[in-house]
């Protein structure tokens, strides 16, 4: 299965799924699938979250709390789950606020191994 197919299967199997993308910590998108347009720019959202994620990763390393695996951010419009794939890349899943965030996190965790393998 290709990266895009894997991303699409994640988004389409989550109620309220909007988009999924693989990004580098410098904010460069590697691949993405968007199944529904929103009022905000999802690309910009991901780039901004990449900056935050880089800071969180650095903080986790400084305090020696282990390896960062997942970060979630919830706003009044969306739930965003971010899962680390390797030292350079992570996958982002954007879901509507009233979507099935639990299933989204589960699928992201399940498919992150598949995505990491496809990227190696």
Protein backbone atom coordinates (compact mmCIF):
# COMPACT_ATOMS: atom_id res chain seq x y z
CA UNK A 1 0.00 0.00 0.00
CA UNK A 2 1.36 3.47 -0.86
CA UNK A 3 1.78 6.28 1.65
CA UNK A 4 -1.20 8.11 0.21
CA UNK A 5 -3.38 4.98 0.34
CA UNK A 6 -2.45 4.40 3.97
CA UNK A 7 -3.20 8.03 4.88
CA UNK A 8 -6.51 7.85 3.02
CA UNK A 9 -7.51 4.66 4.82
CA UNK A 10 -6.88 6.34 8.17
CA UNK A 11 -8.91 9.47 7.37
CA UNK A 12 -11.78 7.67 5.66
CA UNK A 13 -12.21 5.17 8.50
CA UNK A 14 -12.63 7.82 11.19
CA UNK A 15 -15.95 9.60 11.64
CA UNK A 16 -15.18 13.29 11.20
CA UNK A 17 -11.78 12.69 9.59
CA UNK A 18 -10.63 15.74 7.63
CA UNK A 19 -7.01 15.17 6.65
CA UNK A 20 -3.84 13.25 7.33
CA UNK A 21 -0.33 14.22 6.39
CA UNK A 22 3.24 13.14 6.86
CA UNK A 23 5.54 16.01 7.71
CA UNK A 24 9.15 16.67 8.57
CA UNK A 25 10.05 18.56 11.73
CA UNK A 26 11.06 21.53 9.57
CA UNK A 27 7.43 21.82 8.41
CA UNK A 28 7.89 20.36 4.93
CA UNK A 29 4.98 18.09 3.94
CA UNK A 30 5.97 14.70 2.52
CA UNK A 31 2.49 13.50 1.56
CA UNK A 32 -1.09 14.37 2.46
CA UNK A 33 -4.70 13.43 1.98
CA UNK A 34 -7.52 15.90 2.53
CA UNK A 35 -11.06 14.54 2.29
CA UNK A 36 -12.96 17.65 3.36
CA UNK A 37 -12.26 21.37 3.10
CA UNK A 38 -12.38 23.52 6.22
CA UNK A 39 -12.56 27.21 7.04
CA UNK A 40 -8.88 27.26 7.98
CA UNK A 41 -5.71 26.32 6.13
CA UNK A 42 -4.78 22.78 7.21
CA UNK A 43 -1.34 23.10 5.63
CA UNK A 44 -0.59 26.17 7.74
CA UNK A 45 -1.96 24.43 10.82
CA UNK A 46 0.43 21.53 10.29
CA UNK A 47 3.42 23.77 9.69
CA UNK A 48 2.71 25.69 12.89
CA UNK A 49 2.19 22.49 14.86
CA UNK A 50 5.51 21.18 13.49
CA UNK A 51 7.23 24.10 15.20
CA UNK A 52 5.47 23.33 18.48
CA UNK A 53 6.21 19.63 18.15
CA UNK A 54 9.91 20.31 17.65
CA UNK A 55 9.94 22.29 20.92
CA UNK A 56 8.07 19.54 22.79
CA UNK A 57 10.47 16.90 21.44
CA UNK A 58 13.43 18.99 22.57
CA UNK A 59 11.92 19.46 26.04
CA UNK A 60 11.24 15.74 26.42
CA UNK A 61 14.88 15.00 25.51
CA UNK A 62 16.22 17.60 27.97
CA UNK A 63 14.28 16.19 30.91
CA UNK A 64 15.07 12.61 29.84
CA UNK A 65 11.43 11.52 29.96
CA UNK A 66 11.86 8.94 27.21
CA UNK A 67 11.07 9.14 23.51
CA UNK A 68 8.10 11.22 22.44
CA UNK A 69 5.47 9.06 20.73
CA UNK A 70 2.26 11.07 20.43
CA UNK A 71 0.88 14.55 21.01
CA UNK A 72 -2.74 15.64 20.74
CA UNK A 73 -4.16 19.14 20.49
CA UNK A 74 -7.86 19.88 20.83
CA UNK A 75 -9.53 23.16 19.90
CA UNK A 76 -13.20 24.12 19.64
CA UNK A 77 -13.11 23.13 15.94
CA UNK A 78 -10.69 20.22 15.62
CA UNK A 79 -8.83 17.43 17.34
CA UNK A 80 -5.32 16.83 16.06
CA UNK A 81 -3.34 13.69 16.80
CA UNK A 82 0.36 13.70 15.96
CA UNK A 83 2.36 10.47 15.98
CA UNK A 84 6.14 10.26 15.61
CA UNK A 85 7.31 7.98 12.79
CA UNK A 86 11.08 8.39 13.15
CA UNK A 87 13.68 11.02 14.09
CA UNK A 88 12.78 13.17 11.10
CA UNK A 89 9.07 12.58 10.34
CA UNK A 90 5.68 12.48 11.98
CA UNK A 91 2.10 11.89 10.87
CA UNK A 92 -0.76 14.29 11.61
CA UNK A 93 -4.45 13.37 11.72
CA UNK A 94 -7.00 16.19 11.77
CA UNK A 95 -10.53 15.34 12.89
CA UNK A 96 -13.66 17.43 13.41
CA UNK A 97 -14.25 18.29 17.07
CA UNK A 98 -17.28 15.98 17.21
CA UNK A 99 -15.52 13.17 15.32
CA UNK A 100 -14.31 9.86 16.73
CA UNK A 101 -10.97 10.97 18.16
CA UNK A 102 -10.37 7.70 20.01
CA UNK A 103 -10.64 5.65 16.83
CA UNK A 104 -8.45 8.16 15.03
CA UNK A 105 -5.69 7.81 17.62
CA UNK A 106 -6.02 4.02 17.47
CA UNK A 107 -5.73 3.89 13.66
CA UNK A 108 -2.86 6.35 13.69
CA UNK A 109 -0.95 4.19 16.19
CA UNK A 110 -1.77 1.02 14.26
CA UNK A 111 -0.81 2.41 10.84
CA UNK A 112 2.24 4.38 12.03
CA UNK A 113 4.36 1.21 11.85
CA UNK A 114 3.22 0.63 8.26
CA UNK A 115 3.99 4.26 7.35
CA UNK A 116 7.42 4.11 9.00
CA UNK A 117 8.25 0.96 7.02
CA UNK A 118 7.15 2.56 3.75
CA UNK A 119 9.40 5.53 4.47
CA UNK A 120 12.54 3.49 5.21
